[in-house]
Amino acid sequence: DGSGATWTRLQAGGTVDTFVPRSAMGTVTFQGQLWVIAGYGESVLLNDVWRSSTGAEGSWTQVAASASVFSERAWMGLTVFQSKLWVVAGCCYLNDVWSSADGSVWTEVTSAASFSERLCPSLLVSSQQLWVFGGREASAITGDVWSTADGAEWVPRQALPTTLTDFAAAVNGTTMLVMGGITSYSPLTFAGPVVFATEGSPACNSFVGSCGSGFTASSGNTACSSANCTAADCCTANPTCAGS
């Protein structure tokens, strides 16, 4: 009913028109449809793609079979960015990035992003950037944060206050929120009802080229250009990134 107080079961499960039972899949709304992508089903990793206009029984369509997309995975990042579906990282310990405009044809944007291989990252969109937060590496939990304007070139950002995996994340306006999660597996330690918040902003870190007409490089920056931000973001005219 839209209030969250009353829930209706739309799909009984196990019918021929729907995907196999699974956990750790990606779910997102895209092009007016509900999408279910990949996941872990009955002791096997999956990489199939399904969509439905209602989520109800009889409404699911398989958009892409496993042979036509990215490798099998679960616990990955999934979101919509630049009018495309994006799949980032996942199990077991990946750092590749894939995108698709229709869910059927997928393009590998990079086979190895700048951040480490991981599962359970959170993937958000803010300030025209795609952001990766935390997750679990093969031997440790990480709290690093990365952003990109194109999915290929990733920039390190201010890390979370703690290492964190298996957490919830959301965007409220320009504020990105991180809630709950696990900070350690040995011993198992939960973050509790902790909320971290940060403002998304253009990335200004590595400057090559020139500021362009009407701008002067900020103190500490030899020049000012990046695919991740405009000249105004990097230069004295907008001191937000000065010295970064």
C-alpha atoms as a PDB file:
ATOM      1  CA  ASP A   1       0.000   0.000   0.000  1.00  0.00           C
ATOM      2  CA  GLY A   2       3.047   2.269  -0.164  1.00  0.00           C
ATOM      3  CA  SER A   3       3.290   2.763   3.587  1.00  0.00           C
ATOM      4  CA  GLY A   4       5.521  -0.218   4.343  1.00  0.00           C
ATOM      5  CA  ALA A   5       3.014  -1.414   6.942  1.00  0.00           C
ATOM      6  CA  THR A   6       1.247  -3.977   4.728  1.00  0.00           C
ATOM      7  CA  TRP A   7       3.080  -6.501   2.545  1.00  0.00           C
ATOM      8  CA  THR A   8       1.702  -8.613  -0.306  1.00  0.00           C
ATOM      9  CA  ARG A   9       3.328 -11.776  -1.593  1.00  0.00           C
ATOM     10  CA  LEU A  10       3.626 -11.417  -5.376  1.00  0.00           C
ATOM     11  CA  GLN A  11       5.598 -14.533  -6.279  1.00  0.00           C
ATOM     12  CA  ALA A  12       5.260 -17.974  -4.738  1.00  0.00           C
ATOM     13  CA  GLY A  13       8.566 -19.153  -6.181  1.00  0.00           C
ATOM     14  CA  GLY A  14       9.494 -22.352  -7.942  1.00  0.00           C
ATOM     15  CA  THR A  15       7.395 -21.726 -11.033  1.00  0.00           C
ATOM     16  CA  VAL A  16       8.726 -22.156 -14.551  1.00  0.00           C
ATOM     17  CA  ASP A  17       8.511 -18.483 -15.478  1.00  0.00           C
ATOM     18  CA  THR A  18      10.871 -17.227 -12.814  1.00  0.00           C
ATOM     19  CA  PHE A  19      14.529 -17.448 -11.836  1.00  0.00           C
ATOM     20  CA  VAL A  20      15.922 -20.233  -9.646  1.00  0.00           C
ATOM     21  CA  PRO A  21      16.034 -19.640  -5.872  1.00  0.00           C
ATOM     22  CA  ARG A  22      19.056 -17.564  -4.884  1.00  0.00           C
ATOM     23  CA  SER A  23      20.651 -15.212  -2.383  1.00  0.00           C
ATOM     24  CA  ALA A  24      23.203 -12.390  -2.649  1.00  0.00           C
ATOM     25  CA  MET A  25      21.813 -11.264  -6.009  1.00  0.00           C
ATOM     26  CA  GLY A  26      21.620  -7.707  -7.279  1.00  0.00           C
ATOM     27  CA  THR A  27      18.224  -6.006  -7.474  1.00  0.00           C
ATOM     28  CA  VAL A  28      17.439  -2.604  -8.956  1.00  0.00           C
ATOM     29  CA  THR A  29      14.728  -0.696 -10.810  1.00  0.00           C
ATOM     30  CA  PHE A  30      15.641   0.311 -14.363  1.00  0.00           C
ATOM     31  CA  GLN A  31      13.544   1.442 -17.348  1.00  0.00           C
ATOM     32  CA  GLY A  32      10.352   0.978 -15.347  1.00  0.00           C
ATOM     33  CA  GLN A  33      11.180  -2.649 -14.557  1.00  0.00           C
ATOM     34  CA  LEU A  34      12.366  -4.603 -11.522  1.00  0.00           C
ATOM     35  CA  TRP A  35      15.623  -6.427 -12.274  1.00  0.00           C
ATOM     36  CA  VAL A  36      17.246  -9.450 -10.622  1.00  0.00           C
ATOM     37  CA  ILE A  37      20.833 -10.114 -11.627  1.00  0.00           C
ATOM     38  CA  ALA A  38      23.231 -12.962 -10.762  1.00  0.00           C
ATOM     39  CA  GLY A  39      23.565 -14.238  -7.174  1.00  0.00           C
ATOM     40  CA  TYR A  40      24.231 -17.496  -5.341  1.00  0.00           C
ATOM     41  CA  GLY A  41      21.800 -20.331  -5.975  1.00  0.00           C
ATOM     42  CA  GLU A  42      21.933 -23.867  -4.582  1.00  0.00           C
ATOM     43  CA  SER A  43      25.730 -24.099  -4.253  1.00  0.00           C
ATOM     44  CA  VAL A  44      26.495 -22.356  -7.550  1.00  0.00           C
ATOM     45  CA  LEU A  45      27.254 -18.790  -8.579  1.00  0.00           C
ATOM     46  CA  LEU A  46      24.941 -17.325 -11.214  1.00  0.00           C
ATOM     47  CA  ASN A  47      25.097 -14.577 -13.855  1.00  0.00           C
ATOM     48  CA  ASP A  48      21.669 -14.615 -15.461  1.00  0.00           C
ATOM     49  CA  VAL A  49      19.557 -11.445 -15.862  1.00  0.00           C
ATOM     50  CA  TRP A  50      15.795 -11.213 -15.293  1.00  0.00           C
ATOM     51  CA  ARG A  51      13.235  -8.401 -15.304  1.00  0.00           C
ATOM     52  CA  SER A  52       9.567  -7.868 -14.462  1.00  0.00           C
ATOM     53  CA  SER A  53       7.158  -4.959 -14.711  1.00  0.00           C
ATOM     54  CA  THR A  54       5.281  -6.001 -11.562  1.00  0.00           C
ATOM     55  CA  GLY A  55       7.320  -8.645  -9.738  1.00  0.00           C
ATOM     56  CA  ALA A  56       4.285 -10.922  -9.817  1.00  0.00           C
ATOM     57  CA  GLU A  57       4.107 -14.550 -10.853  1.00  0.00           C
ATOM     58  CA  GLY A  58       4.052 -14.941 -14.623  1.00  0.00           C
ATOM     59  CA  SER A  59       5.665 -11.559 -15.259  1.00  0.00           C
ATOM     60  CA  TRP A  60       9.363 -12.427 -15.268  1.00  0.00           C
ATOM     61  CA  THR A  61      11.426 -12.503 -18.484  1.00  0.00           C
ATOM     62  CA  GLN A  62      14.983 -13.718 -18.820  1.00  0.00           C
ATOM     63  CA  VAL A  63      16.848 -10.917 -20.575  1.00  0.00           C
ATOM     64  CA  ALA A  64      20.247 -12.537 -20.764  1.00  0.00           C
ATOM     65  CA  ALA A  65      21.428 -16.095 -20.304  1.00  0.00           C
ATOM     66  CA  SER A  66      24.587 -16.856 -18.367  1.00  0.00           C
ATOM     67  CA  ALA A  67      26.745 -17.343 -21.466  1.00  0.00           C
ATOM     68  CA  SER A  68      26.183 -13.813 -22.786  1.00  0.00           C
ATOM     69  CA  VAL A  69      27.216 -11.597 -19.864  1.00  0.00           C
ATOM     70  CA  PHE A  70      29.860 -11.130 -17.189  1.00  0.00           C
ATOM     71  CA  SER A  71      31.268 -14.079 -15.226  1.00  0.00           C
ATOM     72  CA  GLU A  72      29.223 -15.753 -12.486  1.00  0.00           C
ATOM     73  CA  ARG A  73      29.142 -13.801  -9.237  1.00  0.00           C
ATOM     74  CA  ALA A  74      27.285 -12.833  -6.073  1.00  0.00           C
ATOM     75  CA  TRP A  75      27.634 -10.143  -3.411  1.00  0.00           C
ATOM     76  CA  MET A  76      28.483  -7.566  -6.092  1.00  0.00           C
ATOM     77  CA  GLY A  77      27.621  -3.901  -6.482  1.00  0.00           C
ATOM     78  CA  LEU A  78      24.682  -3.094  -8.769  1.00  0.00           C
ATOM     79  CA  THR A  79      23.165   0.275  -9.611  1.00  0.00           C
ATOM     80  CA  VAL A  80      21.931   2.521 -12.427  1.00  0.00           C
ATOM     81  CA  PHE A  81      24.318   5.219 -13.658  1.00  0.00           C
ATOM     82  CA  GLN A  82      24.296   7.259 -16.887  1.00  0.00           C
ATOM     83  CA  SER A  83      21.138   5.418 -18.032  1.00  0.00           C
ATOM     84  CA  LYS A  84      22.880   2.048 -17.798  1.00  0.00           C
ATOM     85  CA  LEU A  85      23.005  -0.929 -15.481  1.00  0.00           C
ATOM     86  CA  TRP A  86      26.376  -1.291 -13.741  1.00  0.00           C
ATOM     87  CA  VAL A  87      27.823  -4.411 -12.119  1.00  0.00           C
ATOM     88  CA  VAL A  88      30.966  -3.927 -10.045  1.00  0.00           C
ATOM     89  CA  ALA A  89      33.192  -6.506  -8.289  1.00  0.00           C
ATOM     90  CA  GLY A  90      31.685  -9.415  -6.327  1.00  0.00           C
ATOM     91  CA  CYS A  91      32.420 -12.995  -5.338  1.00  0.00           C
ATOM     92  CA  CYS A  92      34.731 -14.409  -5.510  1.00  0.00           C
ATOM     93  CA  TYR A  93      37.015 -11.414  -5.114  1.00  0.00           C
ATOM     94  CA  LEU A  94      36.659  -9.446  -8.321  1.00  0.00           C
ATOM     95  CA  ASN A  95      37.344  -5.838  -9.287  1.00  0.00           C
ATOM     96  CA  ASP A  96      35.999  -5.739 -12.813  1.00  0.00           C
ATOM     97  CA  VAL A  97      33.345  -3.263 -13.982  1.00  0.00           C
ATOM     98  CA  TRP A  98      30.539  -3.973 -16.477  1.00  0.00           C
ATOM     99  CA  SER A  99      27.740  -1.859 -17.924  1.00  0.00           C
ATOM    100  CA  SER A 100      24.687  -2.414 -20.110  1.00  0.00           C
ATOM    101  CA  ALA A 101      22.109  -0.111 -21.688  1.00  0.00           C
ATOM    102  CA  ASP A 102      19.505  -2.862 -21.999  1.00  0.00           C
ATOM    103  CA  GLY A 103      20.508  -5.705 -19.644  1.00  0.00           C
ATOM    104  CA  SER A 104      21.140  -8.001 -22.604  1.00  0.00           C
ATOM    105  CA  VAL A 105      24.401  -6.743 -24.122  1.00  0.00           C
ATOM    106  CA  TRP A 106      27.132  -6.104 -21.555  1.00  0.00           C
ATOM    107  CA  THR A 107      30.407  -4.202 -21.992  1.00  0.00           C
ATOM    108  CA  GLU A 108      33.456  -4.747 -19.828  1.00  0.00           C
ATOM    109  CA  VAL A 109      34.445  -1.190 -18.883  1.00  0.00           C
ATOM    110  CA  THR A 110      37.573  -2.411 -17.111  1.00  0.00           C
ATOM    111  CA  SER A 111      38.839  -5.866 -16.200  1.00  0.00           C
ATOM    112  CA  ALA A 112      40.705  -4.530 -13.171  1.00  0.00           C
ATOM    113  CA  ALA A 113      39.664  -1.280 -11.519  1.00  0.00           C
ATOM    114  CA  SER A 114      42.105   0.674  -9.356  1.00  0.00           C
ATOM    115  CA  PHE A 115      40.511  -0.586  -6.152  1.00  0.00           C
ATOM    116  CA  SER A 116      41.328  -4.041  -4.800  1.00  0.00           C
ATOM    117  CA  GLU A 117      39.376  -7.203  -5.576  1.00  0.00           C
ATOM    118  CA  ARG A 118      36.416  -7.535  -3.213  1.00  0.00           C
ATOM    119  CA  LEU A 119      32.912  -8.733  -2.529  1.00  0.00           C
ATOM    120  CA  CYS A 120      30.073  -6.969  -0.673  1.00  0.00           C
ATOM    121  CA  PRO A 121      30.947  -3.413  -1.717  1.00  0.00           C
ATOM    122  CA  SER A 122      28.248  -0.763  -1.708  1.00  0.00           C
ATOM    123  CA  LEU A 123      27.690   1.060  -4.975  1.00  0.00           C
ATOM    124  CA  LEU A 124      26.076   4.519  -4.992  1.00  0.00           C
ATOM    125  CA  VAL A 125      25.549   7.386  -7.439  1.00  0.00           C
ATOM    126  CA  SER A 126      26.061  10.975  -6.287  1.00  0.00           C
ATOM    127  CA  SER A 127      27.293  14.230  -7.867  1.00  0.00           C
ATOM    128  CA  GLN A 128      27.425  12.581 -11.304  1.00  0.00           C
ATOM    129  CA  GLN A 129      29.891  10.037  -9.973  1.00  0.00           C
ATOM    130  CA  LEU A 130      29.739   6.302  -9.356  1.00  0.00           C
ATOM    131  CA  TRP A 131      31.026   5.451  -5.856  1.00  0.00           C
ATOM    132  CA  VAL A 132      32.357   2.229  -4.315  1.00  0.00           C
ATOM    133  CA  PHE A 133      32.405   1.892  -0.533  1.00  0.00           C
ATOM    134  CA  GLY A 134      34.177  -0.758   1.545  1.00  0.00           C
ATOM    135  CA  GLY A 135      33.604  -4.482   1.254  1.00  0.00           C
ATOM    136  CA  ARG A 136      35.536  -7.640   1.969  1.00  0.00           C
ATOM    137  CA  GLU A 137      38.895  -8.444   0.402  1.00  0.00           C
ATOM    138  CA  ALA A 138      40.302 -11.984   0.387  1.00  0.00           C
ATOM    139  CA  SER A 139      42.154 -11.461   3.655  1.00  0.00           C
ATOM    140  CA  ALA A 140      40.642  -8.348   5.227  1.00  0.00           C
ATOM    141  CA  ILE A 141      37.701  -5.992   5.426  1.00  0.00           C
ATOM    142  CA  THR A 142      38.323  -2.616   3.811  1.00  0.00           C
ATOM    143  CA  GLY A 143      36.931   0.833   4.423  1.00  0.00           C
ATOM    144  CA  ASP A 144      38.250   2.598   1.354  1.00  0.00           C
ATOM    145  CA  VAL A 145      36.104   4.756  -0.917  1.00  0.00           C
ATOM    146  CA  TRP A 146      36.517   5.285  -4.667  1.00  0.00           C
ATOM    147  CA  SER A 147      34.659   7.278  -7.318  1.00  0.00           C
ATOM    148  CA  THR A 148      34.562   7.480 -11.108  1.00  0.00           C
ATOM    149  CA  ALA A 149      32.916   9.541 -13.815  1.00  0.00           C
ATOM    150  CA  ASP A 150      33.145   6.832 -16.482  1.00  0.00           C
ATOM    151  CA  GLY A 151      33.584   3.466 -14.752  1.00  0.00           C
ATOM    152  CA  ALA A 152      37.112   3.071 -16.101  1.00  0.00           C
ATOM    153  CA  GLU A 153      39.210   5.611 -14.219  1.00  0.00           C
ATOM    154  CA  TRP A 154      38.745   5.370 -10.441  1.00  0.00           C
ATOM    155  CA  VAL A 155      39.891   7.971  -7.911  1.00  0.00           C
ATOM    156  CA  PRO A 156      40.554   7.254  -4.211  1.00  0.00           C
ATOM    157  CA  ARG A 157      38.446   9.377  -1.870  1.00  0.00           C
ATOM    158  CA  GLN A 158      38.222   9.951   1.872  1.00  0.00           C
ATOM    159  CA  ALA A 159      37.973   6.515   3.508  1.00  0.00           C
ATOM    160  CA  LEU A 160      35.222   5.479   5.889  1.00  0.00           C
ATOM    161  CA  PRO A 161      35.974   5.985   9.600  1.00  0.00           C
ATOM    162  CA  THR A 162      36.226   2.210   9.976  1.00  0.00           C
ATOM    163  CA  THR A 163      36.620  -0.914   7.878  1.00  0.00           C
ATOM    164  CA  LEU A 164      33.150  -2.082   6.894  1.00  0.00           C
ATOM    165  CA  THR A 165      31.368  -4.802   4.959  1.00  0.00           C
ATOM    166  CA  ASP A 166      27.818  -6.186   4.695  1.00  0.00           C
ATOM    167  CA  PHE A 167      26.354  -2.740   5.352  1.00  0.00           C
ATOM    168  CA  ALA A 168      23.472  -0.711   3.951  1.00  0.00           C
ATOM    169  CA  ALA A 169      24.065   2.471   1.959  1.00  0.00           C
ATOM    170  CA  ALA A 170      21.778   5.086   0.456  1.00  0.00           C
ATOM    171  CA  VAL A 171      21.746   8.582  -1.032  1.00  0.00           C
ATOM    172  CA  ASN A 172      19.623  11.393   0.377  1.00  0.00           C
ATOM    173  CA  GLY A 173      19.996  14.461  -1.826  1.00  0.00           C
ATOM    174  CA  THR A 174      23.757  14.981  -2.085  1.00  0.00           C
ATOM    175  CA  THR A 175      24.443  13.117   1.165  1.00  0.00           C
ATOM    176  CA  MET A 176      25.643   9.507   1.027  1.00  0.00           C
ATOM    177  CA  LEU A 177      24.712   7.440   4.094  1.00  0.00           C
ATOM    178  CA  VAL A 178      26.353   4.232   5.358  1.00  0.00           C
ATOM    179  CA  MET A 179      24.556   2.232   8.048  1.00  0.00           C
ATOM    180  CA  GLY A 180      25.311  -0.847  10.126  1.00  0.00           C
ATOM    181  CA  GLY A 181      27.555  -3.614   8.827  1.00  0.00           C
ATOM    182  CA  ILE A 182      30.435  -5.759  10.063  1.00  0.00           C
ATOM    183  CA  THR A 183      33.797  -4.293  11.038  1.00  0.00           C
ATOM    184  CA  SER A 184      35.612  -7.567  11.781  1.00  0.00           C
ATOM    185  CA  TYR A 185      35.138 -11.305  11.279  1.00  0.00           C
ATOM    186  CA  SER A 186      37.707 -12.308  13.895  1.00  0.00           C
ATOM    187  CA  PRO A 187      36.147 -11.823  16.316  1.00  0.00           C
ATOM    188  CA  LEU A 188      32.815 -11.157  14.649  1.00  0.00           C
ATOM    189  CA  THR A 189      32.089  -7.479  15.353  1.00  0.00           C
ATOM    190  CA  PHE A 190      29.033  -5.564  14.214  1.00  0.00           C
ATOM    191  CA  ALA A 191      29.048  -1.831  13.623  1.00  0.00           C
ATOM    192  CA  GLY A 192      25.752  -1.402  15.443  1.00  0.00           C
ATOM    193  CA  PRO A 193      23.297   1.394  14.677  1.00  0.00           C
ATOM    194  CA  VAL A 194      26.011   3.687  13.372  1.00  0.00           C
ATOM    195  CA  VAL A 195      25.375   6.074  10.503  1.00  0.00           C
ATOM    196  CA  PHE A 196      28.233   7.696   8.571  1.00  0.00           C
ATOM    197  CA  ALA A 197      27.429  10.524   6.164  1.00  0.00           C
ATOM    198  CA  THR A 198      29.489  12.276   3.526  1.00  0.00           C
ATOM    199  CA  GLU A 199      28.807  14.799   0.798  1.00  0.00           C
ATOM    200  CA  GLY A 200      29.541  13.706  -2.769  1.00  0.00           C
ATOM    201  CA  SER A 201      31.739  16.063  -4.787  1.00  0.00           C
ATOM    202  CA  PRO A 202      33.734  16.016  -8.007  1.00  0.00           C
ATOM    203  CA  ALA A 203      37.073  14.257  -7.694  1.00  0.00           C
ATOM    204  CA  CYS A 204      40.121  16.490  -7.943  1.00  0.00           C
ATOM    205  CA  ASN A 205      43.309  14.606  -7.305  1.00  0.00           C
ATOM    206  CA  SER A 206      45.612  14.185 -10.297  1.00  0.00           C
ATOM    207  CA  PHE A 207      46.102  17.236 -12.476  1.00  0.00           C
ATOM    208  CA  VAL A 208      47.707  17.242 -15.889  1.00  0.00           C
ATOM    209  CA  GLY A 209      47.334  19.741 -18.674  1.00  0.00           C
ATOM    210  CA  SER A 210      46.186  23.269 -18.022  1.00  0.00           C
ATOM    211  CA  CYS A 211      43.454  25.119 -16.182  1.00  0.00           C
ATOM    212  CA  GLY A 212      42.099  26.638 -19.335  1.00  0.00           C
ATOM    213  CA  SER A 213      41.156  30.207 -20.085  1.00  0.00           C
ATOM    214  CA  GLY A 214      40.322  32.358 -17.072  1.00  0.00           C
ATOM    215  CA  PHE A 215      41.566  29.965 -14.405  1.00  0.00           C
ATOM    216  CA  THR A 216      44.716  29.689 -12.320  1.00  0.00           C
ATOM    217  CA  ALA A 217      45.885  26.486 -10.703  1.00  0.00           C
ATOM    218  CA  SER A 218      45.142  26.302  -6.978  1.00  0.00           C
ATOM    219  CA  SER A 219      47.989  26.268  -4.508  1.00  0.00           C
ATOM    220  CA  GLY A 220      49.622  22.845  -4.483  1.00  0.00           C
ATOM    221  CA  ASN A 221      48.353  21.893  -7.928  1.00  0.00           C
ATOM    222  CA  THR A 222      50.726  22.304 -10.845  1.00  0.00           C
ATOM    223  CA  ALA A 223      47.885  22.216 -13.363  1.00  0.00           C
ATOM    224  CA  CYS A 224      44.222  21.553 -13.458  1.00  0.00           C
ATOM    225  CA  SER A 225      42.337  19.093 -15.594  1.00  0.00           C
ATOM    226  CA  SER A 226      40.761  15.722 -15.051  1.00  0.00           C
ATOM    227  CA  ALA A 227      38.075  13.582 -16.615  1.00  0.00           C
ATOM    228  CA  ASN A 228      36.496  13.593 -13.172  1.00  0.00           C
ATOM    229  CA  CYS A 229      35.962  17.332 -12.747  1.00  0.00           C
ATOM    230  CA  THR A 230      35.726  20.581 -14.640  1.00  0.00           C
ATOM    231  CA  ALA A 231      38.353  23.294 -14.715  1.00  0.00           C
ATOM    232  CA  ALA A 232      36.275  25.401 -12.333  1.00  0.00           C
ATOM    233  CA  ASP A 233      36.242  22.585  -9.787  1.00  0.00           C
ATOM    234  CA  CYS A 234      40.010  22.319  -9.817  1.00  0.00           C
ATOM    235  CA  CYS A 235      41.080  25.914  -9.936  1.00  0.00           C
ATOM    236  CA  THR A 236      41.167  29.070  -7.900  1.00  0.00           C
ATOM    237  CA  ALA A 237      37.796  30.210  -9.254  1.00  0.00           C
ATOM    238  CA  ASN A 238      36.293  27.386  -7.154  1.00  0.00           C
ATOM    239  CA  PRO A 239      38.611  26.705  -4.186  1.00  0.00           C
ATOM    240  CA  THR A 240      36.762  23.554  -3.075  1.00  0.00           C
ATOM    241  CA  CYS A 241      39.603  21.359  -4.276  1.00  0.00           C
ATOM    242  CA  ALA A 242      42.480  23.727  -3.552  1.00  0.00           C
ATOM    243  CA  GLY A 243      45.530  21.859  -2.387  1.00  0.00           C
ATOM    244  CA  SER A 244      43.875  18.455  -2.753  1.00  0.00           C
END
